[in-house]
């Protein structure tokens, strides 16, 4: 991915104001050691609580997965697979938590 998109691309984490409160939040993709499994974790600022605002484990590890915040149209955090329509979802803020929707429905 970095060869195609540049060295400054960080597909496994994203920092932005995901929930619209004016503070930068962060999200990270974690690979579960020894398994073909990925977890998505989102923390909301100000990071005083040790528990995440969103945690979901059990995504099948699929090629070049990424998370990215779309700053332009929908302003959502996306999870997808680079150069694929196989899987895509976006997180939608709901208060201090998040829900998700499939990109294609």
PDB file of N, CA and C in Angstrom:
ATOM      1  N   UNK A   1       0.817  -1.195   0.000  1.00  0.00           N
ATOM      2  CA  UNK A   1       0.000   0.000   0.000  1.00  0.00           C
ATOM      3  C   UNK A   1       0.858   1.254   0.000  1.00  0.00           C
ATOM      4  N   UNK A   2       1.911   1.246   0.785  1.00  0.00           N
ATOM      5  CA  UNK A   2       2.757   2.443   0.846  1.00  0.00           C
ATOM      6  C   UNK A   2       3.490   2.674  -0.469  1.00  0.00           C
ATOM      7  N   UNK A   3       3.795   1.595  -1.194  1.00  0.00           N
ATOM      8  CA  UNK A   3       4.423   1.748  -2.508  1.00  0.00           C
ATOM      9  C   UNK A   3       3.471   2.506  -3.441  1.00  0.00           C
ATOM     10  N   UNK A   4       2.191   2.174  -3.380  1.00  0.00           N
ATOM     11  CA  UNK A   4       1.209   2.797  -4.270  1.00  0.00           C
ATOM     12  C   UNK A   4       0.722   4.154  -3.778  1.00  0.00           C
ATOM     13  N   UNK A   5       0.567   4.323  -2.487  1.00  0.00           N
ATOM     14  CA  UNK A   5      -0.042   5.536  -1.936  1.00  0.00           C
ATOM     15  C   UNK A   5       0.940   6.495  -1.273  1.00  0.00           C
ATOM     16  N   UNK A   6       2.160   6.055  -1.020  1.00  0.00           N
ATOM     17  CA  UNK A   6       3.160   6.926  -0.405  1.00  0.00           C
ATOM     18  C   UNK A   6       3.503   6.495   1.009  1.00  0.00           C
ATOM     19  N   UNK A   7       4.669   6.904   1.453  1.00  0.00           N
ATOM     20  CA  UNK A   7       5.192   6.498   2.770  1.00  0.00           C
ATOM     21  C   UNK A   7       4.408   7.075   3.942  1.00  0.00           C
ATOM     22  N   UNK A   8       3.696   8.157   3.738  1.00  0.00           N
ATOM     23  CA  UNK A   8       2.978   8.785   4.846  1.00  0.00           C
ATOM     24  C   UNK A   8       1.624   8.141   5.119  1.00  0.00           C
ATOM     25  N   UNK A   9       1.284   7.117   4.366  1.00  0.00           N
ATOM     26  CA  UNK A   9       0.023   6.404   4.573  1.00  0.00           C
ATOM     27  C   UNK A   9       0.168   5.476   5.776  1.00  0.00           C
ATOM     28  N   UNK A  10      -0.796   5.525   6.672  1.00  0.00           N
ATOM     29  CA  UNK A  10      -0.809   4.677   7.865  1.00  0.00           C
ATOM     30  C   UNK A  10      -2.129   3.918   7.892  1.00  0.00           C
ATOM     31  N   UNK A  11      -2.181   2.772   7.227  1.00  0.00           N
ATOM     32  CA  UNK A  11      -3.458   2.074   7.063  1.00  0.00           C
ATOM     33  C   UNK A  11      -3.999   1.414   8.322  1.00  0.00           C
ATOM     34  N   UNK A  12      -3.172   1.264   9.366  1.00  0.00           N
ATOM     35  CA  UNK A  12      -3.604   0.546  10.558  1.00  0.00           C
ATOM     36  C   UNK A  12      -4.033   1.447  11.700  1.00  0.00           C
ATOM     37  N   UNK A  13      -3.930   2.775  11.496  1.00  0.00           N
ATOM     38  CA  UNK A  13      -4.485   3.676  12.490  1.00  0.00           C
ATOM     39  C   UNK A  13      -4.945   4.967  11.826  1.00  0.00           C
ATOM     40  N   UNK A  14      -5.838   5.649  12.495  1.00  0.00           N
ATOM     41  CA  UNK A  14      -6.361   6.909  11.990  1.00  0.00           C
ATOM     42  C   UNK A  14      -6.595   7.847  13.169  1.00  0.00           C
ATOM     43  N   UNK A  15      -6.303   9.115  12.962  1.00  0.00           N
ATOM     44  CA  UNK A  15      -6.521  10.145  13.982  1.00  0.00           C
ATOM     45  C   UNK A  15      -7.337  11.260  13.351  1.00  0.00           C
ATOM     46  N   UNK A  16      -8.466  11.572  13.967  1.00  0.00           N
ATOM     47  CA  UNK A  16      -9.342  12.650  13.485  1.00  0.00           C
ATOM     48  C   UNK A  16     -10.447  12.854  14.525  1.00  0.00           C
ATOM     49  N   UNK A  17     -11.252  13.855  14.314  1.00  0.00           N
ATOM     50  CA  UNK A  17     -12.400  14.101  15.187  1.00  0.00           C
ATOM     51  C   UNK A  17     -13.570  13.255  14.675  1.00  0.00           C
ATOM     52  N   UNK A  18     -13.609  11.994  15.051  1.00  0.00           N
ATOM     53  CA  UNK A  18     -14.613  11.053  14.546  1.00  0.00           C
ATOM     54  C   UNK A  18     -16.028  11.385  15.020  1.00  0.00           C
ATOM     55  N   UNK A  19     -16.149  11.896  16.247  1.00  0.00           N
ATOM     56  CA  UNK A  19     -17.487  12.098  16.823  1.00  0.00           C
ATOM     57  C   UNK A  19     -17.943  13.557  16.841  1.00  0.00           C
ATOM     58  N   UNK A  20     -17.198  14.453  16.215  1.00  0.00           N
ATOM     59  CA  UNK A  20     -17.632  15.831  16.057  1.00  0.00           C
ATOM     60  C   UNK A  20     -17.585  16.692  17.299  1.00  0.00           C
ATOM     61  N   UNK A  21     -16.778  16.328  18.310  1.00  0.00           N
ATOM     62  CA  UNK A  21     -16.703  17.130  19.532  1.00  0.00           C
ATOM     63  C   UNK A  21     -15.544  18.129  19.530  1.00  0.00           C
ATOM     64  N   UNK A  22     -14.824  18.236  18.400  1.00  0.00           N
ATOM     65  CA  UNK A  22     -13.718  19.180  18.305  1.00  0.00           C
ATOM     66  C   UNK A  22     -12.388  18.650  18.801  1.00  0.00           C
ATOM     67  N   UNK A  23     -12.341  17.396  19.255  1.00  0.00           N
ATOM     68  CA  UNK A  23     -11.107  16.803  19.774  1.00  0.00           C
ATOM     69  C   UNK A  23     -10.740  15.597  18.916  1.00  0.00           C
ATOM     70  N   UNK A  24      -9.436  15.407  18.671  1.00  0.00           N
ATOM     71  CA  UNK A  24      -8.988  14.275  17.875  1.00  0.00           C
ATOM     72  C   UNK A  24      -9.119  12.969  18.642  1.00  0.00           C
ATOM     73  N   UNK A  25      -9.756  12.010  18.019  1.00  0.00           N
ATOM     74  CA  UNK A  25      -9.909  10.654  18.529  1.00  0.00           C
ATOM     75  C   UNK A  25      -8.930   9.772  17.750  1.00  0.00           C
ATOM     76  N   UNK A  26      -8.772   8.508  18.153  1.00  0.00           N
ATOM     77  CA  UNK A  26      -7.934   7.637  17.340  1.00  0.00           C
ATOM     78  C   UNK A  26      -8.513   6.238  17.273  1.00  0.00           C
ATOM     79  N   UNK A  27      -8.198   5.582  16.165  1.00  0.00           N
ATOM     80  CA  UNK A  27      -8.637   4.206  15.913  1.00  0.00           C
ATOM     81  C   UNK A  27      -7.430   3.404  15.451  1.00  0.00           C
ATOM     82  N   UNK A  28      -7.452   2.125  15.773  1.00  0.00           N
ATOM     83  CA  UNK A  28      -6.339   1.255  15.401  1.00  0.00           C
ATOM     84  C   UNK A  28      -6.867  -0.133  15.051  1.00  0.00           C
ATOM     85  N   UNK A  29      -6.235  -0.758  14.064  1.00  0.00           N
ATOM     86  CA  UNK A  29      -6.508  -2.156  13.734  1.00  0.00           C
ATOM     87  C   UNK A  29      -5.448  -3.001  14.408  1.00  0.00           C
ATOM     88  N   UNK A  30      -5.869  -4.026  15.102  1.00  0.00           N
ATOM     89  CA  UNK A  30      -4.948  -4.929  15.794  1.00  0.00           C
ATOM     90  C   UNK A  30      -5.076  -6.330  15.213  1.00  0.00           C
ATOM     91  N   UNK A  31      -3.942  -6.957  14.935  1.00  0.00           N
ATOM     92  CA  UNK A  31      -3.951  -8.339  14.478  1.00  0.00           C
ATOM     93  C   UNK A  31      -3.807  -9.216  15.713  1.00  0.00           C
ATOM     94  N   UNK A  32      -4.720 -10.158  15.891  1.00  0.00           N
ATOM     95  CA  UNK A  32      -4.688 -11.055  17.034  1.00  0.00           C
ATOM     96  C   UNK A  32      -3.558 -12.058  16.805  1.00  0.00           C
ATOM     97  N   UNK A  33      -2.605 -12.049  17.698  1.00  0.00           N
ATOM     98  CA  UNK A  33      -1.397 -12.863  17.559  1.00  0.00           C
ATOM     99  C   UNK A  33      -1.736 -14.341  17.373  1.00  0.00           C
ATOM    100  N   UNK A  34      -1.115 -14.923  16.357  1.00  0.00           N
ATOM    101  CA  UNK A  34      -1.275 -16.349  16.110  1.00  0.00           C
ATOM    102  C   UNK A  34      -2.581 -16.721  15.415  1.00  0.00           C
ATOM    103  N   UNK A  35      -3.367 -15.733  15.013  1.00  0.00           N
ATOM    104  CA  UNK A  35      -4.653 -16.009  14.364  1.00  0.00           C
ATOM    105  C   UNK A  35      -4.796 -15.154  13.120  1.00  0.00           C
ATOM    106  N   UNK A  36      -5.648 -15.570  12.258  1.00  0.00           N
ATOM    107  CA  UNK A  36      -5.992 -14.776  11.078  1.00  0.00           C
ATOM    108  C   UNK A  36      -7.201 -13.907  11.411  1.00  0.00           C
ATOM    109  N   UNK A  37      -7.045 -13.117  12.457  1.00  0.00           N
ATOM    110  CA  UNK A  37      -8.146 -12.322  12.993  1.00  0.00           C
ATOM    111  C   UNK A  37      -7.676 -10.910  13.275  1.00  0.00           C
ATOM    112  N   UNK A  38      -8.571  -9.945  13.049  1.00  0.00           N
ATOM    113  CA  UNK A  38      -8.260  -8.530  13.262  1.00  0.00           C
ATOM    114  C   UNK A  38      -9.318  -7.936  14.184  1.00  0.00           C
ATOM    115  N   UNK A  39      -8.887  -7.009  15.036  1.00  0.00           N
ATOM    116  CA  UNK A  39      -9.800  -6.276  15.912  1.00  0.00           C
ATOM    117  C   UNK A  39      -9.713  -4.788  15.565  1.00  0.00           C
ATOM    118  N   UNK A  40     -10.836  -4.102  15.667  1.00  0.00           N
ATOM    119  CA  UNK A  40     -10.906  -2.661  15.465  1.00  0.00           C
ATOM    120  C   UNK A  40     -11.213  -2.017  16.810  1.00  0.00           C
ATOM    121  N   UNK A  41     -10.396  -1.030  17.197  1.00  0.00           N
ATOM    122  CA  UNK A  41     -10.563  -0.348  18.478  1.00  0.00           C
ATOM    123  C   UNK A  41     -10.574   1.160  18.226  1.00  0.00           C
ATOM    124  N   UNK A  42     -11.544   1.856  18.835  1.00  0.00           N
ATOM    125  CA  UNK A  42     -11.651   3.310  18.703  1.00  0.00           C
ATOM    126  C   UNK A  42     -11.684   3.918  20.099  1.00  0.00           C
ATOM    127  N   UNK A  43     -10.863   4.927  20.306  1.00  0.00           N
ATOM    128  CA  UNK A  43     -10.838   5.681  21.560  1.00  0.00           C
ATOM    129  C   UNK A  43     -11.222   7.128  21.270  1.00  0.00           C
ATOM    130  N   UNK A  44     -12.114   7.667  22.090  1.00  0.00           N
ATOM    131  CA  UNK A  44     -12.501   9.071  21.991  1.00  0.00           C
ATOM    132  C   UNK A  44     -11.670   9.905  22.950  1.00  0.00           C
ATOM    133  N   UNK A  45     -11.298  11.121  22.504  1.00  0.00           N
ATOM    134  CA  UNK A  45     -10.619  12.065  23.387  1.00  0.00           C
ATOM    135  C   UNK A  45     -11.592  12.453  24.492  1.00  0.00           C
ATOM    136  N   UNK A  46     -11.122  12.770  25.680  1.00  0.00           N
ATOM    137  CA  UNK A  46      -9.776  13.140  26.077  1.00  0.00           C
ATOM    138  C   UNK A  46      -8.927  11.981  26.608  1.00  0.00           C
ATOM    139  N   UNK A  47      -9.266  10.756  26.381  1.00  0.00           N
ATOM    140  CA  UNK A  47      -8.481   9.565  26.742  1.00  0.00           C
ATOM    141  C   UNK A  47      -8.285   9.395  28.245  1.00  0.00           C
ATOM    142  N   UNK A  48      -9.281   9.771  29.011  1.00  0.00           N
ATOM    143  CA  UNK A  48      -9.217   9.594  30.462  1.00  0.00           C
ATOM    144  C   UNK A  48      -9.813   8.268  30.895  1.00  0.00           C
ATOM    145  N   UNK A  49     -10.579   7.636  29.992  1.00  0.00           N
ATOM    146  CA  UNK A  49     -11.190   6.331  30.300  1.00  0.00           C
ATOM    147  C   UNK A  49     -10.393   5.234  29.601  1.00  0.00           C
ATOM    148  N   UNK A  50     -10.041   4.172  30.311  1.00  0.00           N
ATOM    149  CA  UNK A  50      -9.231   3.115  29.702  1.00  0.00           C
ATOM    150  C   UNK A  50      -9.999   2.218  28.735  1.00  0.00           C
ATOM    151  N   UNK A  51     -11.333   2.289  28.744  1.00  0.00           N
ATOM    152  CA  UNK A  51     -12.085   1.424  27.849  1.00  0.00           C
ATOM    153  C   UNK A  51     -12.377   2.144  26.532  1.00  0.00           C
ATOM    154  N   UNK A  52     -12.367   1.412  25.433  1.00  0.00           N
ATOM    155  CA  UNK A  52     -12.607   2.043  24.134  1.00  0.00           C
ATOM    156  C   UNK A  52     -14.073   2.405  23.926  1.00  0.00           C
ATOM    157  N   UNK A  53     -14.301   3.350  23.039  1.00  0.00           N
ATOM    158  CA  UNK A  53     -15.661   3.728  22.652  1.00  0.00           C
ATOM    159  C   UNK A  53     -16.248   2.680  21.711  1.00  0.00           C
ATOM    160  N   UNK A  54     -15.369   1.957  21.012  1.00  0.00           N
ATOM    161  CA  UNK A  54     -15.811   0.878  20.115  1.00  0.00           C
ATOM    162  C   UNK A  54     -14.737  -0.192  20.093  1.00  0.00           C
ATOM    163  N   UNK A  55     -15.154  -1.431  20.197  1.00  0.00           N
ATOM    164  CA  UNK A  55     -14.235  -2.571  20.088  1.00  0.00           C
ATOM    165  C   UNK A  55     -14.986  -3.699  19.405  1.00  0.00           C
ATOM    166  N   UNK A  56     -14.388  -4.204  18.361  1.00  0.00           N
ATOM    167  CA  UNK A  56     -14.965  -5.378  17.710  1.00  0.00           C
ATOM    168  C   UNK A  56     -13.836  -6.272  17.243  1.00  0.00           C
ATOM    169  N   UNK A  57     -13.917  -7.492  17.677  1.00  0.00           N
ATOM    170  CA  UNK A  57     -12.923  -8.504  17.336  1.00  0.00           C
ATOM    171  C   UNK A  57     -13.610  -9.539  16.450  1.00  0.00           C
ATOM    172  N   UNK A  58     -12.848 -10.194  15.615  1.00  0.00           N
ATOM    173  CA  UNK A  58     -13.426 -11.259  14.817  1.00  0.00           C
ATOM    174  C   UNK A  58     -13.448 -10.987  13.330  1.00  0.00           C
ATOM    175  N   UNK A  59     -12.889  -9.850  12.902  1.00  0.00           N
ATOM    176  CA  UNK A  59     -12.775  -9.620  11.474  1.00  0.00           C
ATOM    177  C   UNK A  59     -11.748 -10.591  10.918  1.00  0.00           C
ATOM    178  N   UNK A  60     -12.084 -11.225   9.838  1.00  0.00           N
ATOM    179  CA  UNK A  60     -11.132 -12.118   9.176  1.00  0.00           C
ATOM    180  C   UNK A  60     -10.028 -11.261   8.572  1.00  0.00           C
ATOM    181  N   UNK A  61      -8.777 -11.667   8.798  1.00  0.00           N
ATOM    182  CA  UNK A  61      -7.653 -10.931   8.226  1.00  0.00           C
ATOM    183  C   UNK A  61      -7.701 -11.096   6.714  1.00  0.00           C
ATOM    184  N   UNK A  62      -7.885  -9.976   6.009  1.00  0.00           N
ATOM    185  CA  UNK A  62      -8.058 -10.017   4.560  1.00  0.00           C
ATOM    186  C   UNK A  62      -7.070  -9.087   3.882  1.00  0.00           C
ATOM    187  N   UNK A  63      -6.010  -9.610   3.366  1.00  0.00           N
ATOM    188  CA  UNK A  63      -5.082  -8.815   2.564  1.00  0.00           C
ATOM    189  C   UNK A  63      -4.683  -7.517   3.225  1.00  0.00           C
ATOM    190  N   UNK A  64      -4.736  -6.461   2.466  1.00  0.00           N
ATOM    191  CA  UNK A  64      -4.331  -5.139   2.935  1.00  0.00           C
ATOM    192  C   UNK A  64      -5.520  -4.375   3.496  1.00  0.00           C
ATOM    193  N   UNK A  65      -5.876  -4.674   4.718  1.00  0.00           N
ATOM    194  CA  UNK A  65      -6.974  -3.957   5.379  1.00  0.00           C
ATOM    195  C   UNK A  65      -6.501  -2.561   5.773  1.00  0.00           C
ATOM    196  N   UNK A  66      -7.444  -1.650   5.886  1.00  0.00           N
ATOM    197  CA  UNK A  66      -7.104  -0.290   6.288  1.00  0.00           C
ATOM    198  C   UNK A  66      -8.271   0.337   7.050  1.00  0.00           C
ATOM    199  N   UNK A  67      -7.939   1.361   7.809  1.00  0.00           N
ATOM    200  CA  UNK A  67      -8.949   2.254   8.364  1.00  0.00           C
ATOM    201  C   UNK A  67      -8.569   3.661   7.923  1.00  0.00           C
ATOM    202  N   UNK A  68      -9.569   4.451   7.620  1.00  0.00           N
ATOM    203  CA  UNK A  68      -9.318   5.819   7.163  1.00  0.00           C
ATOM    204  C   UNK A  68     -10.533   6.675   7.475  1.00  0.00           C
ATOM    205  N   UNK A  69     -10.276   7.906   7.810  1.00  0.00           N
ATOM    206  CA  UNK A  69     -11.354   8.857   8.054  1.00  0.00           C
ATOM    207  C   UNK A  69     -11.582   9.654   6.778  1.00  0.00           C
ATOM    208  N   UNK A  70     -12.824   9.729   6.334  1.00  0.00           N
ATOM    209  CA  UNK A  70     -13.184  10.486   5.145  1.00  0.00           C
ATOM    210  C   UNK A  70     -13.522  11.904   5.585  1.00  0.00           C
ATOM    211  N   UNK A  71     -12.690  12.853   5.230  1.00  0.00           N
ATOM    212  CA  UNK A  71     -12.876  14.245   5.639  1.00  0.00           C
ATOM    213  C   UNK A  71     -13.866  15.007   4.770  1.00  0.00           C
ATOM    214  N   UNK A  72     -14.223  14.461   3.633  1.00  0.00           N
ATOM    215  CA  UNK A  72     -14.981  15.255   2.672  1.00  0.00           C
ATOM    216  C   UNK A  72     -16.486  15.029   2.721  1.00  0.00           C
ATOM    217  N   UNK A  73     -16.961  13.936   2.212  1.00  0.00           N
ATOM    218  CA  UNK A  73     -18.403  13.778   2.001  1.00  0.00           C
ATOM    219  C   UNK A  73     -19.143  13.352   3.262  1.00  0.00           C
ATOM    220  N   UNK A  74     -18.905  12.161   3.750  1.00  0.00           N
ATOM    221  CA  UNK A  74     -19.713  11.614   4.841  1.00  0.00           C
ATOM    222  C   UNK A  74     -19.105  11.795   6.221  1.00  0.00           C
ATOM    223  N   UNK A  75     -17.817  12.088   6.286  1.00  0.00           N
ATOM    224  CA  UNK A  75     -17.122  12.285   7.555  1.00  0.00           C
ATOM    225  C   UNK A  75     -17.328  11.112   8.514  1.00  0.00           C
ATOM    226  N   UNK A  76     -17.014   9.932   8.026  1.00  0.00           N
ATOM    227  CA  UNK A  76     -17.077   8.708   8.821  1.00  0.00           C
ATOM    228  C   UNK A  76     -15.727   7.998   8.781  1.00  0.00           C
ATOM    229  N   UNK A  77     -15.504   7.171   9.775  1.00  0.00           N
ATOM    230  CA  UNK A  77     -14.337   6.306   9.801  1.00  0.00           C
ATOM    231  C   UNK A  77     -14.681   5.032   9.034  1.00  0.00           C
ATOM    232  N   UNK A  78     -13.858   4.688   8.065  1.00  0.00           N
ATOM    233  CA  UNK A  78     -14.095   3.525   7.216  1.00  0.00           C
ATOM    234  C   UNK A  78     -13.109   2.410   7.524  1.00  0.00           C
ATOM    235  N   UNK A  79     -13.584   1.180   7.415  1.00  0.00           N
ATOM    236  CA  UNK A  79     -12.743  -0.018   7.464  1.00  0.00           C
ATOM    237  C   UNK A  79     -12.949  -0.716   6.138  1.00  0.00           C
ATOM    238  N   UNK A  80     -11.870  -1.060   5.468  1.00  0.00           N
ATOM    239  CA  UNK A  80     -11.999  -1.719   4.175  1.00  0.00           C
ATOM    240  C   UNK A  80     -10.768  -2.519   3.821  1.00  0.00           C
ATOM    241  N   UNK A  81     -10.778  -3.039   2.613  1.00  0.00           N
ATOM    242  CA  UNK A  81      -9.659  -3.783   2.061  1.00  0.00           C
ATOM    243  C   UNK A  81      -9.207  -3.040   0.810  1.00  0.00           C
ATOM    244  N   UNK A  82      -7.937  -2.698   0.775  1.00  0.00           N
ATOM    245  CA  UNK A  82      -7.347  -1.939  -0.316  1.00  0.00           C
ATOM    246  C   UNK A  82      -7.589  -2.642  -1.647  1.00  0.00           C
ATOM    247  N   UNK A  83      -8.052  -1.865  -2.640  1.00  0.00           N
ATOM    248  CA  UNK A  83      -8.332  -2.353  -3.994  1.00  0.00           C
ATOM    249  C   UNK A  83      -9.310  -3.519  -4.021  1.00  0.00           C
ATOM    250  N   UNK A  84     -10.340  -3.447  -3.189  1.00  0.00           N
ATOM    251  CA  UNK A  84     -11.316  -4.527  -3.140  1.00  0.00           C
ATOM    252  C   UNK A  84     -12.676  -3.985  -2.718  1.00  0.00           C
ATOM    253  N   UNK A  85     -13.711  -4.601  -3.213  1.00  0.00           N
ATOM    254  CA  UNK A  85     -15.064  -4.313  -2.756  1.00  0.00           C
ATOM    255  C   UNK A  85     -15.561  -5.414  -1.835  1.00  0.00           C
ATOM    256  N   UNK A  86     -14.653  -6.316  -1.449  1.00  0.00           N
ATOM    257  CA  UNK A  86     -15.032  -7.493  -0.672  1.00  0.00           C
ATOM    258  C   UNK A  86     -15.640  -7.129   0.673  1.00  0.00           C
ATOM    259  N   UNK A  87     -15.048  -6.171   1.359  1.00  0.00           N
ATOM    260  CA  UNK A  87     -15.570  -5.798   2.670  1.00  0.00           C
ATOM    261  C   UNK A  87     -15.383  -4.312   2.880  1.00  0.00           C
ATOM    262  N   UNK A  88     -16.399  -3.670   3.390  1.00  0.00           N
ATOM    263  CA  UNK A  88     -16.299  -2.257   3.718  1.00  0.00           C
ATOM    264  C   UNK A  88     -17.395  -1.918   4.717  1.00  0.00           C
ATOM    265  N   UNK A  89     -17.041  -1.173   5.742  1.00  0.00           N
ATOM    266  CA  UNK A  89     -18.020  -0.690   6.708  1.00  0.00           C
ATOM    267  C   UNK A  89     -17.611   0.702   7.161  1.00  0.00           C
ATOM    268  N   UNK A  90     -18.564   1.470   7.680  1.00  0.00           N
ATOM    269  CA  UNK A  90     -18.208   2.739   8.288  1.00  0.00           C
ATOM    270  C   UNK A  90     -18.809   2.817   9.676  1.00  0.00           C
ATOM    271  N   UNK A  91     -18.089   3.537  10.543  1.00  0.00           N
ATOM    272  CA  UNK A  91     -18.544   3.736  11.920  1.00  0.00           C
ATOM    273  C   UNK A  91     -19.266   5.071  12.010  1.00  0.00           C
ATOM    274  N   UNK A  92     -20.391   5.047  12.708  1.00  0.00           N
ATOM    275  CA  UNK A  92     -21.225   6.235  12.871  1.00  0.00           C
ATOM    276  C   UNK A  92     -21.286   6.568  14.354  1.00  0.00           C
ATOM    277  N   UNK A  93     -20.882   7.784  14.748  1.00  0.00           N
ATOM    278  CA  UNK A  93     -20.917   8.137  16.176  1.00  0.00           C
ATOM    279  C   UNK A  93     -22.342   8.174  16.718  1.00  0.00           C
ATOM    280  N   UNK A  94     -22.514   7.601  17.903  1.00  0.00           N
ATOM    281  CA  UNK A  94     -23.790   7.591  18.635  1.00  0.00           C
ATOM    282  C   UNK A  94     -23.474   7.973  20.071  1.00  0.00           C
ATOM    283  N   UNK A  95     -23.443   9.276  20.364  1.00  0.00           N
ATOM    284  CA  UNK A  95     -23.036   9.729  21.696  1.00  0.00           C
ATOM    285  C   UNK A  95     -21.564   9.426  21.911  1.00  0.00           C
ATOM    286  N   UNK A  96     -21.257   8.685  22.983  1.00  0.00           N
ATOM    287  CA  UNK A  96     -19.874   8.304  23.269  1.00  0.00           C
ATOM    288  C   UNK A  96     -19.487   6.971  22.641  1.00  0.00           C
ATOM    289  N   UNK A  97     -20.400   6.349  21.925  1.00  0.00           N
ATOM    290  CA  UNK A  97     -20.164   5.035  21.308  1.00  0.00           C
ATOM    291  C   UNK A  97     -20.301   5.158  19.796  1.00  0.00           C
ATOM    292  N   UNK A  98     -20.230   4.023  19.114  1.00  0.00           N
ATOM    293  CA  UNK A  98     -20.356   3.995  17.650  1.00  0.00           C
ATOM    294  C   UNK A  98     -21.214   2.789  17.251  1.00  0.00           C
ATOM    295  N   UNK A  99     -21.894   2.951  16.135  1.00  0.00           N
ATOM    296  CA  UNK A  99     -22.550   1.820  15.488  1.00  0.00           C
ATOM    297  C   UNK A  99     -21.913   1.710  14.097  1.00  0.00           C
ATOM    298  N   UNK A 100     -22.205   0.645  13.392  1.00  0.00           N
ATOM    299  CA  UNK A 100     -21.604   0.512  12.075  1.00  0.00           C
ATOM    300  C   UNK A 100     -22.661   0.193  11.035  1.00  0.00           C
ATOM    301  N   UNK A 101     -22.310   0.509   9.792  1.00  0.00           N
ATOM    302  CA  UNK A 101     -23.132   0.163   8.635  1.00  0.00           C
ATOM    303  C   UNK A 101     -22.237  -0.351   7.538  1.00  0.00           C
ATOM    304  N   UNK A 102     -22.721  -1.317   6.796  1.00  0.00           N
ATOM    305  CA  UNK A 102     -21.998  -1.762   5.617  1.00  0.00           C
ATOM    306  C   UNK A 102     -22.003  -0.636   4.595  1.00  0.00           C
ATOM    307  N   UNK A 103     -20.909  -0.488   3.872  1.00  0.00           N
ATOM    308  CA  UNK A 103     -20.834   0.549   2.840  1.00  0.00           C
ATOM    309  C   UNK A 103     -21.804   0.282   1.706  1.00  0.00           C
ATOM    310  N   UNK A 104     -21.993  -0.987   1.393  1.00  0.00           N
ATOM    311  CA  UNK A 104     -22.914  -1.360   0.322  1.00  0.00           C
ATOM    312  C   UNK A 104     -24.107  -2.042   0.968  1.00  0.00           C
ATOM    313  N   UNK A 105     -25.279  -1.496   0.768  1.00  0.00           N
ATOM    314  CA  UNK A 105     -26.476  -2.125   1.335  1.00  0.00           C
ATOM    315  C   UNK A 105     -27.645  -2.016   0.413  1.00  0.00           C
TER     316      UNK A 105
END
